[in-house]
């Protein structure tokens, strides 16, 4: 759930609404937060989640999500 939003000065904006709930598996912010968890923790947490498509690029399986989260982890480690 988005609890606060600060509008940027630049022209590039992110569409989000305070109070709106977005599944972690289909948002950049959610995947960033999930990247702090280990794969086995993710599987345990999300094993019963139904991956509903919000866009054509929405992950449809936990394995796809874990691969994407792993990419986030690796990018975080880059200098």
PDB file of N, CA and C in Angstrom:
ATOM      1  N   UNK A   1       0.845  -1.170   0.000  1.00  0.00           N
ATOM      2  CA  UNK A   1       0.000   0.000   0.000  1.00  0.00           C
ATOM      3  C   UNK A   1       0.893   1.236   0.000  1.00  0.00           C
ATOM      4  N   UNK A   2       0.591   2.162  -0.874  1.00  0.00           N
ATOM      5  CA  UNK A   2       1.323   3.420  -0.907  1.00  0.00           C
ATOM      6  C   UNK A   2       0.822   4.300   0.229  1.00  0.00           C
ATOM      7  N   UNK A   3       1.737   4.749   1.079  1.00  0.00           N
ATOM      8  CA  UNK A   3       1.331   5.569   2.221  1.00  0.00           C
ATOM      9  C   UNK A   3       1.779   7.017   2.105  1.00  0.00           C
ATOM     10  N   UNK A   4       2.700   7.293   1.187  1.00  0.00           N
ATOM     11  CA  UNK A   4       3.144   8.669   0.986  1.00  0.00           C
ATOM     12  C   UNK A   4       3.717   8.794  -0.412  1.00  0.00           C
ATOM     13  N   UNK A   5       3.636   9.991  -0.961  1.00  0.00           N
ATOM     14  CA  UNK A   5       4.163  10.226  -2.300  1.00  0.00           C
ATOM     15  C   UNK A   5       4.694  11.644  -2.357  1.00  0.00           C
ATOM     16  N   UNK A   6       5.875  11.790  -2.893  1.00  0.00           N
ATOM     17  CA  UNK A   6       6.478  13.106  -3.100  1.00  0.00           C
ATOM     18  C   UNK A   6       6.620  13.297  -4.600  1.00  0.00           C
ATOM     19  N   UNK A   7       6.007  14.331  -5.117  1.00  0.00           N
ATOM     20  CA  UNK A   7       6.067  14.592  -6.550  1.00  0.00           C
ATOM     21  C   UNK A   7       7.445  15.128  -6.930  1.00  0.00           C
ATOM     22  N   UNK A   8       8.026  14.587  -8.000  1.00  0.00           N
ATOM     23  CA  UNK A   8       9.344  15.061  -8.433  1.00  0.00           C
ATOM     24  C   UNK A   8       9.245  16.405  -9.152  1.00  0.00           C
ATOM     25  N   UNK A   9      10.366  17.092  -9.208  1.00  0.00           N
ATOM     26  CA  UNK A   9      10.442  18.358  -9.927  1.00  0.00           C
ATOM     27  C   UNK A   9      10.584  18.093 -11.427  1.00  0.00           C
ATOM     28  N   UNK A  10      11.217  16.986 -11.782  1.00  0.00           N
ATOM     29  CA  UNK A  10      11.473  16.639 -13.188  1.00  0.00           C
ATOM     30  C   UNK A  10      10.174  16.265 -13.906  1.00  0.00           C
ATOM     31  N   UNK A  11      10.257  16.162 -15.221  1.00  0.00           N
ATOM     32  CA  UNK A  11       9.099  15.811 -16.040  1.00  0.00           C
ATOM     33  C   UNK A  11       8.683  14.351 -15.894  1.00  0.00           C
ATOM     34  N   UNK A  12       9.612  13.474 -15.566  1.00  0.00           N
ATOM     35  CA  UNK A  12       9.317  12.049 -15.429  1.00  0.00           C
ATOM     36  C   UNK A  12       8.550  11.816 -14.136  1.00  0.00           C
ATOM     37  N   UNK A  13       7.398  11.194 -14.244  1.00  0.00           N
ATOM     38  CA  UNK A  13       6.569  10.950 -13.062  1.00  0.00           C
ATOM     39  C   UNK A  13       6.133   9.497 -13.010  1.00  0.00           C
ATOM     40  N   UNK A  14       5.924   9.029 -11.790  1.00  0.00           N
ATOM     41  CA  UNK A  14       5.427   7.684 -11.574  1.00  0.00           C
ATOM     42  C   UNK A  14       3.969   7.784 -11.183  1.00  0.00           C
ATOM     43  N   UNK A  15       3.130   6.971 -11.784  1.00  0.00           N
ATOM     44  CA  UNK A  15       1.717   7.002 -11.448  1.00  0.00           C
ATOM     45  C   UNK A  15       1.478   6.101 -10.237  1.00  0.00           C
ATOM     46  N   UNK A  16       1.093   6.679  -9.146  1.00  0.00           N
ATOM     47  CA  UNK A  16       0.729   5.934  -7.940  1.00  0.00           C
ATOM     48  C   UNK A  16      -0.272   6.774  -7.163  1.00  0.00           C
ATOM     49  N   UNK A  17      -1.062   6.097  -6.337  1.00  0.00           N
ATOM     50  CA  UNK A  17      -2.076   6.792  -5.553  1.00  0.00           C
ATOM     51  C   UNK A  17      -1.937   6.401  -4.092  1.00  0.00           C
ATOM     52  N   UNK A  18      -1.985   7.387  -3.216  1.00  0.00           N
ATOM     53  CA  UNK A  18      -1.939   7.126  -1.786  1.00  0.00           C
ATOM     54  C   UNK A  18      -3.123   6.229  -1.426  1.00  0.00           C
ATOM     55  N   UNK A  19      -2.847   5.167  -0.668  1.00  0.00           N
ATOM     56  CA  UNK A  19      -3.885   4.235  -0.239  1.00  0.00           C
ATOM     57  C   UNK A  19      -4.144   3.093  -1.195  1.00  0.00           C
ATOM     58  N   UNK A  20      -3.587   3.171  -2.410  1.00  0.00           N
ATOM     59  CA  UNK A  20      -3.798   2.099  -3.384  1.00  0.00           C
ATOM     60  C   UNK A  20      -2.910   0.905  -3.033  1.00  0.00           C
ATOM     61  N   UNK A  21      -3.475  -0.283  -3.138  1.00  0.00           N
ATOM     62  CA  UNK A  21      -2.728  -1.517  -2.891  1.00  0.00           C
ATOM     63  C   UNK A  21      -2.278  -2.100  -4.224  1.00  0.00           C
ATOM     64  N   UNK A  22      -1.009  -2.451  -4.282  1.00  0.00           N
ATOM     65  CA  UNK A  22      -0.438  -3.056  -5.478  1.00  0.00           C
ATOM     66  C   UNK A  22       0.354  -4.276  -5.029  1.00  0.00           C
ATOM     67  N   UNK A  23       0.112  -5.445  -5.636  1.00  0.00           N
ATOM     68  CA  UNK A  23       0.876  -6.632  -5.246  1.00  0.00           C
ATOM     69  C   UNK A  23       2.373  -6.425  -5.462  1.00  0.00           C
ATOM     70  N   UNK A  24       3.165  -6.903  -4.537  1.00  0.00           N
ATOM     71  CA  UNK A  24       4.618  -6.725  -4.605  1.00  0.00           C
ATOM     72  C   UNK A  24       5.214  -7.346  -5.860  1.00  0.00           C
ATOM     73  N   UNK A  25       4.602  -8.412  -6.382  1.00  0.00           N
ATOM     74  CA  UNK A  25       5.170  -9.105  -7.543  1.00  0.00           C
ATOM     75  C   UNK A  25       5.027  -8.317  -8.842  1.00  0.00           C
ATOM     76  N   UNK A  26       4.252  -7.237  -8.823  1.00  0.00           N
ATOM     77  CA  UNK A  26       4.055  -6.512 -10.083  1.00  0.00           C
ATOM     78  C   UNK A  26       4.367  -5.019  -9.969  1.00  0.00           C
ATOM     79  N   UNK A  27       5.236  -4.664  -9.022  1.00  0.00           N
ATOM     80  CA  UNK A  27       5.666  -3.274  -8.946  1.00  0.00           C
ATOM     81  C   UNK A  27       7.170  -3.225  -8.674  1.00  0.00           C
ATOM     82  N   UNK A  28       7.819  -2.226  -9.193  1.00  0.00           N
ATOM     83  CA  UNK A  28       9.259  -2.074  -8.977  1.00  0.00           C
ATOM     84  C   UNK A  28       9.565  -1.908  -7.494  1.00  0.00           C
ATOM     85  N   UNK A  29       8.753  -1.120  -6.812  1.00  0.00           N
ATOM     86  CA  UNK A  29       8.949  -0.922  -5.378  1.00  0.00           C
ATOM     87  C   UNK A  29       8.786  -2.242  -4.629  1.00  0.00           C
ATOM     88  N   UNK A  30       7.772  -3.004  -4.980  1.00  0.00           N
ATOM     89  CA  UNK A  30       7.548  -4.293  -4.332  1.00  0.00           C
ATOM     90  C   UNK A  30       8.701  -5.248  -4.541  1.00  0.00           C
ATOM     91  N   UNK A  31       9.202  -5.325  -5.778  1.00  0.00           N
ATOM     92  CA  UNK A  31      10.326  -6.225  -6.061  1.00  0.00           C
ATOM     93  C   UNK A  31      11.592  -5.766  -5.354  1.00  0.00           C
ATOM     94  N   UNK A  32      11.747  -4.469  -5.209  1.00  0.00           N
ATOM     95  CA  UNK A  32      12.895  -3.952  -4.455  1.00  0.00           C
ATOM     96  C   UNK A  32      12.821  -4.397  -3.000  1.00  0.00           C
ATOM     97  N   UNK A  33      11.640  -4.318  -2.405  1.00  0.00           N
ATOM     98  CA  UNK A  33      11.462  -4.749  -1.030  1.00  0.00           C
ATOM     99  C   UNK A  33      11.633  -6.268  -0.896  1.00  0.00           C
ATOM    100  N   UNK A  34      11.126  -7.016  -1.855  1.00  0.00           N
ATOM    101  CA  UNK A  34      11.263  -8.479  -1.830  1.00  0.00           C
ATOM    102  C   UNK A  34      12.710  -8.914  -2.001  1.00  0.00           C
ATOM    103  N   UNK A  35      13.528  -8.079  -2.620  1.00  0.00           N
ATOM    104  CA  UNK A  35      14.924  -8.448  -2.872  1.00  0.00           C
ATOM    105  C   UNK A  35      15.727  -8.603  -1.585  1.00  0.00           C
ATOM    106  N   UNK A  36      15.201  -8.105  -0.485  1.00  0.00           N
ATOM    107  CA  UNK A  36      15.872  -8.249   0.806  1.00  0.00           C
ATOM    108  C   UNK A  36      15.654  -9.642   1.404  1.00  0.00           C
ATOM    109  N   UNK A  37      14.725 -10.396   0.830  1.00  0.00           N
ATOM    110  CA  UNK A  37      14.415 -11.728   1.346  1.00  0.00           C
ATOM    111  C   UNK A  37      15.187 -12.793   0.582  1.00  0.00           C
ATOM    112  N   UNK A  38      15.430 -13.924   1.227  1.00  0.00           N
ATOM    113  CA  UNK A  38      16.060 -15.064   0.568  1.00  0.00           C
ATOM    114  C   UNK A  38      15.016 -15.779  -0.283  1.00  0.00           C
ATOM    115  N   UNK A  39      15.496 -16.525  -1.293  1.00  0.00           N
ATOM    116  CA  UNK A  39      14.588 -17.219  -2.203  1.00  0.00           C
ATOM    117  C   UNK A  39      13.635 -18.155  -1.475  1.00  0.00           C
ATOM    118  N   UNK A  40      14.135 -18.909  -0.490  1.00  0.00           N
ATOM    119  CA  UNK A  40      13.257 -19.836   0.220  1.00  0.00           C
ATOM    120  C   UNK A  40      12.192 -19.082   1.033  1.00  0.00           C
ATOM    121  N   UNK A  41      12.531 -17.901   1.538  1.00  0.00           N
ATOM    122  CA  UNK A  41      11.557 -17.077   2.250  1.00  0.00           C
ATOM    123  C   UNK A  41      10.478 -16.567   1.287  1.00  0.00           C
ATOM    124  N   UNK A  42      10.913 -16.173   0.085  1.00  0.00           N
ATOM    125  CA  UNK A  42       9.960 -15.723  -0.935  1.00  0.00           C
ATOM    126  C   UNK A  42       8.999 -16.838  -1.309  1.00  0.00           C
ATOM    127  N   UNK A  43       9.546 -18.027  -1.529  1.00  0.00           N
ATOM    128  CA  UNK A  43       8.696 -19.158  -1.908  1.00  0.00           C
ATOM    129  C   UNK A  43       7.682 -19.465  -0.816  1.00  0.00           C
ATOM    130  N   UNK A  44       8.109 -19.415   0.421  1.00  0.00           N
ATOM    131  CA  UNK A  44       7.203 -19.688   1.539  1.00  0.00           C
ATOM    132  C   UNK A  44       6.118 -18.611   1.639  1.00  0.00           C
ATOM    133  N   UNK A  45       6.518 -17.357   1.478  1.00  0.00           N
ATOM    134  CA  UNK A  45       5.590 -16.239   1.572  1.00  0.00           C
ATOM    135  C   UNK A  45       4.573 -16.235   0.428  1.00  0.00           C
ATOM    136  N   UNK A  46       5.050 -16.560  -0.771  1.00  0.00           N
ATOM    137  CA  UNK A  46       4.222 -16.389  -1.972  1.00  0.00           C
ATOM    138  C   UNK A  46       3.690 -17.686  -2.559  1.00  0.00           C
ATOM    139  N   UNK A  47       3.856 -18.806  -1.862  1.00  0.00           N
ATOM    140  CA  UNK A  47       3.479 -20.105  -2.428  1.00  0.00           C
ATOM    141  C   UNK A  47       1.988 -20.215  -2.741  1.00  0.00           C
ATOM    142  N   UNK A  48       1.159 -19.489  -2.038  1.00  0.00           N
ATOM    143  CA  UNK A  48      -0.283 -19.583  -2.268  1.00  0.00           C
ATOM    144  C   UNK A  48      -0.853 -18.372  -3.007  1.00  0.00           C
ATOM    145  N   UNK A  49       0.027 -17.517  -3.486  1.00  0.00           N
ATOM    146  CA  UNK A  49      -0.411 -16.316  -4.203  1.00  0.00           C
ATOM    147  C   UNK A  49      -0.795 -16.685  -5.636  1.00  0.00           C
ATOM    148  N   UNK A  50      -1.908 -16.146  -6.092  1.00  0.00           N
ATOM    149  CA  UNK A  50      -2.293 -16.283  -7.495  1.00  0.00           C
ATOM    150  C   UNK A  50      -1.730 -15.073  -8.233  1.00  0.00           C
ATOM    151  N   UNK A  51      -0.852 -15.307  -9.188  1.00  0.00           N
ATOM    152  CA  UNK A  51      -0.218 -14.225  -9.935  1.00  0.00           C
ATOM    153  C   UNK A  51      -1.182 -13.729 -11.014  1.00  0.00           C
ATOM    154  N   UNK A  52      -1.917 -12.683 -10.696  1.00  0.00           N
ATOM    155  CA  UNK A  52      -2.885 -12.111 -11.636  1.00  0.00           C
ATOM    156  C   UNK A  52      -2.168 -11.117 -12.539  1.00  0.00           C
ATOM    157  N   UNK A  53      -2.395 -11.201 -13.849  1.00  0.00           N
ATOM    158  CA  UNK A  53      -1.724 -10.265 -14.763  1.00  0.00           C
ATOM    159  C   UNK A  53      -2.337  -8.861 -14.699  1.00  0.00           C
ATOM    160  N   UNK A  54      -1.478  -7.877 -14.477  1.00  0.00           N
ATOM    161  CA  UNK A  54      -1.905  -6.480 -14.507  1.00  0.00           C
ATOM    162  C   UNK A  54      -1.475  -5.832 -15.821  1.00  0.00           C
ATOM    163  N   UNK A  55      -0.382  -6.331 -16.397  1.00  0.00           N
ATOM    164  CA  UNK A  55       0.117  -5.881 -17.701  1.00  0.00           C
ATOM    165  C   UNK A  55       0.644  -7.125 -18.432  1.00  0.00           C
ATOM    166  N   UNK A  56       0.997  -7.004 -19.704  1.00  0.00           N
ATOM    167  CA  UNK A  56       1.578  -8.147 -20.407  1.00  0.00           C
ATOM    168  C   UNK A  56       2.917  -8.605 -19.816  1.00  0.00           C
ATOM    169  N   UNK A  57       3.574  -7.738 -19.047  1.00  0.00           N
ATOM    170  CA  UNK A  57       4.874  -8.085 -18.473  1.00  0.00           C
ATOM    171  C   UNK A  57       4.782  -8.589 -17.026  1.00  0.00           C
ATOM    172  N   UNK A  58       3.583  -8.696 -16.479  1.00  0.00           N
ATOM    173  CA  UNK A  58       3.420  -9.178 -15.113  1.00  0.00           C
ATOM    174  C   UNK A  58       3.880 -10.626 -15.018  1.00  0.00           C
ATOM    175  N   UNK A  59       4.636 -10.943 -13.974  1.00  0.00           N
ATOM    176  CA  UNK A  59       5.100 -12.321 -13.775  1.00  0.00           C
ATOM    177  C   UNK A  59       3.915 -13.239 -13.535  1.00  0.00           C
ATOM    178  N   UNK A  60       4.006 -14.454 -14.098  1.00  0.00           N
ATOM    179  CA  UNK A  60       2.914 -15.408 -13.927  1.00  0.00           C
ATOM    180  C   UNK A  60       3.302 -16.583 -13.032  1.00  0.00           C
ATOM    181  N   UNK A  61       4.588 -16.654 -12.649  1.00  0.00           N
ATOM    182  CA  UNK A  61       5.040 -17.732 -11.765  1.00  0.00           C
ATOM    183  C   UNK A  61       6.019 -17.183 -10.733  1.00  0.00           C
ATOM    184  N   UNK A  62       6.163 -17.921  -9.657  1.00  0.00           N
ATOM    185  CA  UNK A  62       7.113 -17.523  -8.622  1.00  0.00           C
ATOM    186  C   UNK A  62       8.550 -17.611  -9.140  1.00  0.00           C
ATOM    187  N   UNK A  63       8.825 -18.548 -10.039  1.00  0.00           N
ATOM    188  CA  UNK A  63      10.181 -18.666 -10.590  1.00  0.00           C
ATOM    189  C   UNK A  63      10.550 -17.435 -11.419  1.00  0.00           C
ATOM    190  N   UNK A  64       9.604 -16.909 -12.173  1.00  0.00           N
ATOM    191  CA  UNK A  64       9.856 -15.677 -12.926  1.00  0.00           C
ATOM    192  C   UNK A  64      10.119 -14.518 -11.978  1.00  0.00           C
ATOM    193  N   UNK A  65       9.339 -14.439 -10.929  1.00  0.00           N
ATOM    194  CA  UNK A  65       9.515 -13.375  -9.943  1.00  0.00           C
ATOM    195  C   UNK A  65      10.883 -13.476  -9.274  1.00  0.00           C
ATOM    196  N   UNK A  66      11.279 -14.677  -8.871  1.00  0.00           N
ATOM    197  CA  UNK A  66      12.570 -14.850  -8.209  1.00  0.00           C
ATOM    198  C   UNK A  66      13.714 -14.475  -9.143  1.00  0.00           C
ATOM    199  N   UNK A  67      13.607 -14.808 -10.419  1.00  0.00           N
ATOM    200  CA  UNK A  67      14.644 -14.417 -11.390  1.00  0.00           C
ATOM    201  C   UNK A  67      14.736 -12.899 -11.480  1.00  0.00           C
ATOM    202  N   UNK A  68      13.602 -12.222 -11.496  1.00  0.00           N
ATOM    203  CA  UNK A  68      13.589 -10.760 -11.557  1.00  0.00           C
ATOM    204  C   UNK A  68      14.137 -10.154 -10.266  1.00  0.00           C
ATOM    205  N   UNK A  69      13.748 -10.709  -9.135  1.00  0.00           N
ATOM    206  CA  UNK A  69      14.235 -10.232  -7.839  1.00  0.00           C
ATOM    207  C   UNK A  69      15.751 -10.437  -7.744  1.00  0.00           C
ATOM    208  N   UNK A  70      16.235 -11.547  -8.278  1.00  0.00           N
ATOM    209  CA  UNK A  70      17.677 -11.789  -8.285  1.00  0.00           C
ATOM    210  C   UNK A  70      18.405 -10.738  -9.125  1.00  0.00           C
ATOM    211  N   UNK A  71      17.792 -10.330 -10.217  1.00  0.00           N
ATOM    212  CA  UNK A  71      18.360  -9.257 -11.039  1.00  0.00           C
ATOM    213  C   UNK A  71      18.438  -7.954 -10.246  1.00  0.00           C
ATOM    214  N   UNK A  72      17.416  -7.676  -9.449  1.00  0.00           N
ATOM    215  CA  UNK A  72      17.408  -6.479  -8.586  1.00  0.00           C
ATOM    216  C   UNK A  72      18.555  -6.573  -7.583  1.00  0.00           C
ATOM    217  N   UNK A  73      18.731  -7.745  -6.991  1.00  0.00           N
ATOM    218  CA  UNK A  73      19.820  -7.941  -6.022  1.00  0.00           C
ATOM    219  C   UNK A  73      21.176  -7.663  -6.659  1.00  0.00           C
ATOM    220  N   UNK A  74      21.392  -8.173  -7.871  1.00  0.00           N
ATOM    221  CA  UNK A  74      22.672  -8.002  -8.542  1.00  0.00           C
ATOM    222  C   UNK A  74      22.903  -6.543  -8.897  1.00  0.00           C
ATOM    223  N   UNK A  75      21.887  -5.846  -9.344  1.00  0.00           N
ATOM    224  CA  UNK A  75      22.022  -4.422  -9.662  1.00  0.00           C
ATOM    225  C   UNK A  75      22.360  -3.606  -8.414  1.00  0.00           C
ATOM    226  N   UNK A  76      21.806  -4.022  -7.299  1.00  0.00           N
ATOM    227  CA  UNK A  76      22.083  -3.326  -6.033  1.00  0.00           C
ATOM    228  C   UNK A  76      23.551  -3.482  -5.639  1.00  0.00           C
ATOM    229  N   UNK A  77      24.166  -4.583  -6.039  1.00  0.00           N
ATOM    230  CA  UNK A  77      25.568  -4.857  -5.677  1.00  0.00           C
ATOM    231  C   UNK A  77      26.552  -4.148  -6.611  1.00  0.00           C
ATOM    232  N   UNK A  78      26.077  -3.659  -7.760  1.00  0.00           N
ATOM    233  CA  UNK A  78      26.973  -2.978  -8.702  1.00  0.00           C
ATOM    234  C   UNK A  78      27.457  -1.666  -8.109  1.00  0.00           C
ATOM    235  N   UNK A  79      28.727  -1.312  -8.411  1.00  0.00           N
ATOM    236  CA  UNK A  79      29.262  -0.044  -7.881  1.00  0.00           C
ATOM    237  C   UNK A  79      28.654   1.176  -8.551  1.00  0.00           C
TER     238      UNK A  79
END
